[in-house]
C-alpha atoms as a PDB file:
ATOM      1  CA  MET A   1       7.841-113.932  48.236  1.00  0.00           C
ATOM      2  CA  GLY A   2       6.449-111.312  50.632  1.00  0.00           C
ATOM      3  CA  ARG A   3       4.383-108.399  49.193  1.00  0.00           C
ATOM      4  CA  PHE A   4       5.471-104.880  49.470  1.00  0.00           C
ATOM      5  CA  LYS A   5       3.487-102.704  51.800  1.00  0.00           C
ATOM      6  CA  ILE A   6       2.710 -99.265  50.460  1.00  0.00           C
ATOM      7  CA  LYS A   7       2.622 -96.842  53.341  1.00  0.00           C
ATOM      8  CA  LYS A   8      -0.651 -94.947  53.255  1.00  0.00           C
ATOM      9  CA  GLN A   9      -0.324 -91.298  53.267  1.00  0.00           C
ATOM     10  CA  ASP A  10      -2.751 -88.823  54.916  1.00  0.00           C
ATOM     11  CA  THR A  11      -4.549 -86.890  52.221  1.00  0.00           C
ATOM     12  CA  PHE A  12      -6.065 -84.273  54.534  1.00  0.00           C
ATOM     13  CA  ILE A  13      -5.553 -80.627  53.543  1.00  0.00           C
ATOM     14  CA  ASP A  14      -5.879 -78.020  56.235  1.00  0.00           C
ATOM     15  CA  MET A  15      -8.052 -75.264  54.624  1.00  0.00           C
ATOM     16  CA  THR A  16      -7.834 -72.986  57.634  1.00  0.00           C
ATOM     17  CA  PRO A  17      -5.092 -70.594  56.129  1.00  0.00           C
ATOM     18  CA  MET A  18      -7.025 -70.312  52.916  1.00  0.00           C
ATOM     19  CA  SER A  19     -10.332 -69.389  54.957  1.00  0.00           C
ATOM     20  CA  ASP A  20      -8.394 -66.834  56.755  1.00  0.00           C
ATOM     21  CA  VAL A  21      -7.142 -65.112  53.698  1.00  0.00           C
ATOM     22  CA  MET A  22     -10.547 -65.193  52.161  1.00  0.00           C
ATOM     23  CA  VAL A  23     -12.040 -63.643  55.216  1.00  0.00           C
ATOM     24  CA  LEU A  24      -9.286 -60.922  55.212  1.00  0.00           C
ATOM     25  CA  LEU A  25      -9.741 -60.185  51.608  1.00  0.00           C
ATOM     26  CA  LEU A  26     -13.546 -59.977  51.995  1.00  0.00           C
ATOM     27  CA  THR A  27     -13.189 -57.536  54.997  1.00  0.00           C
ATOM     28  CA  PHE A  28     -10.610 -55.310  53.004  1.00  0.00           C
ATOM     29  CA  PHE A  29     -12.989 -55.138  49.918  1.00  0.00           C
ATOM     30  CA  MET A  30     -16.150 -54.277  52.161  1.00  0.00           C
ATOM     31  CA  LEU A  31     -14.303 -51.604  54.313  1.00  0.00           C
ATOM     32  CA  THR A  32     -12.638 -50.011  51.206  1.00  0.00           C
ATOM     33  CA  ALA A  33     -15.480 -50.051  48.679  1.00  0.00           C
ATOM     34  CA  THR A  34     -17.244 -46.847  47.873  1.00  0.00           C
ATOM     35  CA  PHE A  35     -20.945 -47.084  46.831  1.00  0.00           C
ATOM     36  CA  VAL A  36     -21.940 -45.167  43.712  1.00  0.00           C
ATOM     37  CA  LYS A  37     -25.288 -43.481  43.928  1.00  0.00           C
ATOM     38  CA  GLU A  38     -27.945 -44.441  41.399  1.00  0.00           C
ATOM     39  CA  GLU A  39     -28.264 -41.874  38.675  1.00  0.00           C
ATOM     40  CA  PRO A  40     -31.855 -41.887  37.435  1.00  0.00           C
ATOM     41  CA  ILE A  41     -30.876 -39.611  34.668  1.00  0.00           C
ATOM     42  CA  LYS A  42     -28.669 -41.262  32.187  1.00  0.00           C
ATOM     43  CA  VAL A  43     -25.877 -39.355  30.599  1.00  0.00           C
ATOM     44  CA  VAL A  44     -23.424 -40.664  27.792  1.00  0.00           C
ATOM     45  CA  THR A  45     -20.503 -38.569  28.358  1.00  0.00           C
ATOM     46  CA  PRO A  46     -18.380 -37.450  25.273  1.00  0.00           C
ATOM     47  CA  GLY A  47     -14.839 -39.005  24.847  1.00  0.00           C
ATOM     48  CA  SER A  48     -11.727 -37.389  26.061  1.00  0.00           C
ATOM     49  CA  VAL A  49      -8.029 -38.159  26.324  1.00  0.00           C
ATOM     50  CA  SER A  50      -7.822 -36.358  29.838  1.00  0.00           C
ATOM     51  CA  GLU A  51      -7.222 -38.398  32.930  1.00  0.00           C
ATOM     52  CA  ILE A  52      -7.517 -35.689  35.441  1.00  0.00           C
ATOM     53  CA  LYS A  53      -9.716 -37.165  38.254  1.00  0.00           C
ATOM     54  CA  ILE A  54     -12.247 -34.967  40.144  1.00  0.00           C
ATOM     55  CA  PRO A  55     -12.494 -34.963  43.871  1.00  0.00           C
ATOM     56  CA  SER A  56     -15.133 -37.219  45.259  1.00  0.00           C
ATOM     57  CA  THR A  57     -16.042 -35.210  48.201  1.00  0.00           C
ATOM     58  CA  ASN A  58     -17.799 -31.920  48.579  1.00  0.00           C
ATOM     59  CA  LEU A  59     -18.698 -32.031  44.963  1.00  0.00           C
ATOM     60  CA  LEU A  60     -21.741 -30.557  43.287  1.00  0.00           C
ATOM     61  CA  THR A  61     -22.629 -32.138  39.989  1.00  0.00           C
ATOM     62  CA  ILE A  62     -24.784 -30.579  37.329  1.00  0.00           C
ATOM     63  CA  PHE A  63     -26.268 -33.233  34.978  1.00  0.00           C
ATOM     64  CA  VAL A  64     -27.333 -32.101  31.509  1.00  0.00           C
ATOM     65  CA  GLU A  65     -29.305 -34.862  29.581  1.00  0.00           C
ATOM     66  CA  LYS A  66     -29.670 -35.343  25.778  1.00  0.00           C
ATOM     67  CA  ASN A  67     -32.950 -33.332  25.711  1.00  0.00           C
ATOM     68  CA  GLY A  68     -31.492 -30.299  27.432  1.00  0.00           C
ATOM     69  CA  LYS A  69     -33.014 -30.928  30.956  1.00  0.00           C
ATOM     70  CA  VAL A  70     -30.754 -29.814  33.854  1.00  0.00           C
ATOM     71  CA  PHE A  71     -30.433 -31.632  36.962  1.00  0.00           C
ATOM     72  CA  MET A  72     -28.055 -31.680  40.072  1.00  0.00           C
ATOM     73  CA  THR A  73     -26.873 -33.685  43.053  1.00  0.00           C
ATOM     74  CA  MET A  74     -24.216 -33.644  45.704  1.00  0.00           C
ATOM     75  CA  ASP A  75     -21.959 -36.392  46.863  1.00  0.00           C
ATOM     76  CA  SER A  76     -23.372 -36.753  50.424  1.00  0.00           C
ATOM     77  CA  PRO A  77     -26.337 -36.560  52.364  1.00  0.00           C
ATOM     78  CA  GLU A  78     -24.658 -33.965  54.606  1.00  0.00           C
ATOM     79  CA  GLY A  79     -24.259 -31.651  51.632  1.00  0.00           C
ATOM     80  CA  LEU A  80     -27.678 -31.894  50.490  1.00  0.00           C
ATOM     81  CA  THR A  81     -29.010 -31.271  53.982  1.00  0.00           C
ATOM     82  CA  LYS A  82     -26.945 -28.055  54.031  1.00  0.00           C
ATOM     83  CA  LEU A  83     -28.286 -27.122  50.761  1.00  0.00           C
ATOM     84  CA  ALA A  84     -31.952 -27.702  51.738  1.00  0.00           C
ATOM     85  CA  ASP A  85     -31.418 -25.674  54.960  1.00  0.00           C
ATOM     86  CA  ALA A  86     -29.943 -22.755  53.206  1.00  0.00           C
ATOM     87  CA  MET A  87     -32.724 -22.666  50.532  1.00  0.00           C
ATOM     88  CA  ASN A  88     -35.130 -22.693  53.489  1.00  0.00           C
ATOM     89  CA  GLU A  89     -33.270 -19.806  55.223  1.00  0.00           C
ATOM     90  CA  ALA A  90     -33.134 -17.905  51.915  1.00  0.00           C
ATOM     91  CA  GLY A  91     -36.855 -18.290  51.596  1.00  0.00           C
ATOM     92  CA  LYS A  92     -36.540 -20.271  48.335  1.00  0.00           C
ATOM     93  CA  LEU A  93     -37.898 -23.413  49.846  1.00  0.00           C
ATOM     94  CA  SER A  94     -40.458 -24.062  52.845  1.00  0.00           C
ATOM     95  CA  LEU A  95     -39.344 -27.571  53.561  1.00  0.00           C
ATOM     96  CA  SER A  96     -40.305 -29.320  56.925  1.00  0.00           C
ATOM     97  CA  PRO A  97     -37.696 -31.142  58.870  1.00  0.00           C
ATOM     98  CA  GLN A  98     -38.851 -34.624  57.687  1.00  0.00           C
ATOM     99  CA  GLU A  99     -38.749 -33.037  53.934  1.00  0.00           C
ATOM    100  CA  VAL A 100     -35.397 -31.842  54.442  1.00  0.00           C
ATOM    101  CA  LYS A 101     -34.373 -35.585  55.621  1.00  0.00           C
ATOM    102  CA  GLU A 102     -36.097 -36.964  52.614  1.00  0.00           C
ATOM    103  CA  PHE A 103     -34.333 -34.404  50.285  1.00  0.00           C
ATOM    104  CA  ALA A 104     -30.877 -35.598  51.642  1.00  0.00           C
ATOM    105  CA  GLN A 105     -31.428 -39.120  50.564  1.00  0.00           C
ATOM    106  CA  VAL A 106     -32.305 -38.326  46.924  1.00  0.00           C
ATOM    107  CA  PRO A 107     -29.738 -39.504  44.400  1.00  0.00           C
ATOM    108  CA  THR A 108     -30.528 -36.722  41.786  1.00  0.00           C
ATOM    109  CA  PHE A 109     -33.088 -33.655  41.948  1.00  0.00           C
ATOM    110  CA  GLY A 110     -34.336 -31.385  39.250  1.00  0.00           C
ATOM    111  CA  THR A 111     -37.730 -29.717  39.218  1.00  0.00           C
ATOM    112  CA  PRO A 112     -38.855 -26.167  39.563  1.00  0.00           C
ATOM    113  CA  LEU A 113     -38.759 -24.714  42.949  1.00  0.00           C
ATOM    114  CA  ASN A 114     -42.538 -24.446  43.172  1.00  0.00           C
ATOM    115  CA  THR A 115     -42.916 -28.236  42.740  1.00  0.00           C
ATOM    116  CA  ILE A 116     -40.209 -29.626  45.004  1.00  0.00           C
ATOM    117  CA  LYS A 117     -42.593 -30.271  47.840  1.00  0.00           C
ATOM    118  CA  GLY A 118     -44.885 -32.280  45.734  1.00  0.00           C
ATOM    119  CA  TRP A 119     -42.051 -34.124  44.094  1.00  0.00           C
ATOM    120  CA  LEU A 120     -40.741 -35.112  47.541  1.00  0.00           C
ATOM    121  CA  ALA A 121     -44.054 -36.321  48.360  1.00  0.00           C
ATOM    122  CA  SER A 122     -44.281 -38.797  45.474  1.00  0.00           C
ATOM    123  CA  GLY A 123     -42.482 -41.479  47.284  1.00  0.00           C
ATOM    124  CA  ASP A 124     -41.073 -44.191  45.135  1.00  0.00           C
ATOM    125  CA  GLN A 125     -42.006 -42.188  41.791  1.00  0.00           C
ATOM    126  CA  LYS A 126     -39.518 -39.633  42.188  1.00  0.00           C
ATOM    127  CA  ASN A 127     -37.013 -41.010  39.715  1.00  0.00           C
ATOM    128  CA  GLU A 128     -39.823 -41.754  37.256  1.00  0.00           C
ATOM    129  CA  LEU A 129     -41.084 -38.169  37.408  1.00  0.00           C
ATOM    130  CA  LEU A 130     -37.460 -36.790  36.647  1.00  0.00           C
ATOM    131  CA  THR A 131     -37.123 -39.046  33.744  1.00  0.00           C
ATOM    132  CA  LYS A 132     -40.776 -38.900  32.258  1.00  0.00           C
ATOM    133  CA  SER A 133     -42.292 -35.617  33.467  1.00  0.00           C
ATOM    134  CA  LYS A 134     -42.312 -32.777  30.954  1.00  0.00           C
ATOM    135  CA  GLU A 135     -41.928 -30.329  33.901  1.00  0.00           C
ATOM    136  CA  ALA A 136     -38.735 -32.160  35.091  1.00  0.00           C
ATOM    137  CA  GLY A 137     -35.464 -30.108  34.897  1.00  0.00           C
ATOM    138  CA  ILE A 138     -34.209 -27.029  36.846  1.00  0.00           C
ATOM    139  CA  PRO A 139     -34.965 -23.792  34.781  1.00  0.00           C
ATOM    140  CA  CYS A 140     -31.967 -22.418  33.366  1.00  0.00           C
ATOM    141  CA  ASP A 141     -33.542 -19.671  30.843  1.00  0.00           C
ATOM    142  CA  SER A 142     -32.941 -16.037  30.782  1.00  0.00           C
ATOM    143  CA  VAL A 143     -36.383 -15.402  32.113  1.00  0.00           C
ATOM    144  CA  ASN A 144     -36.351 -17.956  35.084  1.00  0.00           C
ATOM    145  CA  ASN A 145     -32.803 -19.184  36.048  1.00  0.00           C
ATOM    146  CA  GLU A 146     -33.210 -21.315  39.091  1.00  0.00           C
ATOM    147  CA  LEU A 147     -29.917 -23.011  38.453  1.00  0.00           C
ATOM    148  CA  LYS A 148     -28.147 -19.834  39.578  1.00  0.00           C
ATOM    149  CA  THR A 149     -30.073 -19.803  42.788  1.00  0.00           C
ATOM    150  CA  TRP A 150     -29.296 -23.543  43.551  1.00  0.00           C
ATOM    151  CA  VAL A 151     -25.579 -23.107  42.819  1.00  0.00           C
ATOM    152  CA  SER A 152     -25.073 -19.870  44.740  1.00  0.00           C
ATOM    153  CA  THR A 153     -26.906 -21.195  47.746  1.00  0.00           C
ATOM    154  CA  ALA A 154     -24.676 -24.270  47.646  1.00  0.00           C
ATOM    155  CA  ARG A 155     -21.631 -22.246  47.512  1.00  0.00           C
ATOM    156  CA  GLU A 156     -22.767 -20.348  50.600  1.00  0.00           C
ATOM    157  CA  ALA A 157     -23.866 -23.536  52.429  1.00  0.00           C
ATOM    158  CA  CYS A 158     -20.806 -25.750  51.730  1.00  0.00           C
ATOM    159  CA  GLY A 159     -18.075 -23.025  51.502  1.00  0.00           C
ATOM    160  CA  GLU A 160     -15.266 -22.214  49.090  1.00  0.00           C
ATOM    161  CA  ASN A 161     -13.922 -25.772  48.941  1.00  0.00           C
ATOM    162  CA  MET A 162     -16.967 -27.187  47.255  1.00  0.00           C
ATOM    163  CA  ARG A 163     -16.113 -28.120  43.694  1.00  0.00           C
ATOM    164  CA  ILE A 164     -18.671 -27.904  40.767  1.00  0.00           C
ATOM    165  CA  ALA A 165     -18.677 -30.426  37.857  1.00  0.00           C
ATOM    166  CA  ILE A 166     -20.838 -30.627  34.737  1.00  0.00           C
ATOM    167  CA  LYS A 167     -21.733 -33.983  33.331  1.00  0.00           C
ATOM    168  CA  ALA A 168     -23.403 -33.604  30.077  1.00  0.00           C
ATOM    169  CA  ASP A 169     -24.669 -35.925  27.473  1.00  0.00           C
ATOM    170  CA  LYS A 170     -22.486 -36.088  24.298  1.00  0.00           C
ATOM    171  CA  SER A 171     -25.771 -35.511  22.312  1.00  0.00           C
ATOM    172  CA  THR A 172     -26.873 -32.422  23.977  1.00  0.00           C
ATOM    173  CA  SER A 173     -26.779 -29.301  21.754  1.00  0.00           C
ATOM    174  CA  TYR A 174     -23.969 -26.853  22.352  1.00  0.00           C
ATOM    175  CA  ALA A 175     -26.512 -24.126  23.141  1.00  0.00           C
ATOM    176  CA  VAL A 176     -27.615 -25.850  26.235  1.00  0.00           C
ATOM    177  CA  ILE A 177     -24.161 -26.411  27.472  1.00  0.00           C
ATOM    178  CA  LYS A 178     -23.394 -22.732  26.885  1.00  0.00           C
ATOM    179  CA  ARG A 179     -26.494 -21.626  28.776  1.00  0.00           C
ATOM    180  CA  VAL A 180     -25.396 -23.667  31.693  1.00  0.00           C
ATOM    181  CA  MET A 181     -21.711 -22.250  31.566  1.00  0.00           C
ATOM    182  CA  ASP A 182     -22.983 -18.754  31.062  1.00  0.00           C
ATOM    183  CA  SER A 183     -25.310 -19.187  34.422  1.00  0.00           C
ATOM    184  CA  LEU A 184     -22.180 -20.177  36.257  1.00  0.00           C
ATOM    185  CA  ARG A 185     -20.146 -17.272  35.026  1.00  0.00           C
ATOM    186  CA  GLU A 186     -22.885 -14.799  35.901  1.00  0.00           C
ATOM    187  CA  ILE A 187     -22.594 -15.841  39.542  1.00  0.00           C
ATOM    188  CA  GLU A 188     -18.974 -15.837  39.347  1.00  0.00           C
ATOM    189  CA  GLU A 189     -18.393 -19.655  39.366  1.00  0.00           C
ATOM    190  CA  ASN A 190     -15.598 -19.672  36.756  1.00  0.00           C
ATOM    191  CA  ARG A 191     -13.935 -22.807  37.716  1.00  0.00           C
ATOM    192  CA  TYR A 192     -15.615 -26.130  37.207  1.00  0.00           C
ATOM    193  CA  ASN A 193     -14.864 -29.616  35.781  1.00  0.00           C
ATOM    194  CA  LEU A 194     -16.285 -31.124  32.687  1.00  0.00           C
ATOM    195  CA  ILE A 195     -16.939 -34.867  33.288  1.00  0.00           C
ATOM    196  CA  THR A 196     -15.845 -37.215  30.145  1.00  0.00           C
ATOM    197  CA  SER A 197     -15.023 -40.730  29.432  1.00  0.00           C
ATOM    198  CA  LEU A 198     -11.646 -41.950  28.258  1.00  0.00           C
ATOM    199  CA  LYS A 199     -11.788 -42.521  24.372  1.00  0.00           C
ATOM    200  CA  GLY A 200     -12.357 -46.013  23.747  1.00  0.00           C
ATOM    201  CA  VAL A 201     -13.751 -46.806  27.208  1.00  0.00           C
ATOM    202  CA  ASP A 202     -17.485 -47.319  27.651  1.00  0.00           C
ATOM    203  CA  ASN A 203     -19.244 -45.072  30.308  1.00  0.00           C
END
């Protein structure tokens, strides 16, 4: 009796379509991803049930860390360049063109005006100085309130469409937050956002 011959089937799988899909997905995520700036100042925001999103462009953010020190940042190098140039024109800073370029690349700044040049010259130690130096922080007291200078100059440089947000640590005392808000009110900046985390969601 003859044996049955089993027809051999080709087991080759064409992976070309899968490769095409993977390349398209990778390209999509690369083009649509937004890079978040490193924040040397760690702020644990308080919880909230609000889901209102703040704009991601033309935004000035004021950081208030748990010890009460105040720092600032803007969302783009272009905004920081405008701010530095405006501060130079107002006579508040005397940065060289190279120092303005350096300032435009910092993720966060916050030292007294008279120490900005030295801070920019510190190279890779900028973030460490912000977090560990006792002199770090933008002065915001009644005697020397440089926060008002920075914010009002940013408003002049970036226009009426610039939005302001305050990102404060949940353990920061109310007196410090009130001092920041009073500073904004004194320069007639009465509209700003408070950045919080959704309750039950880690920051």
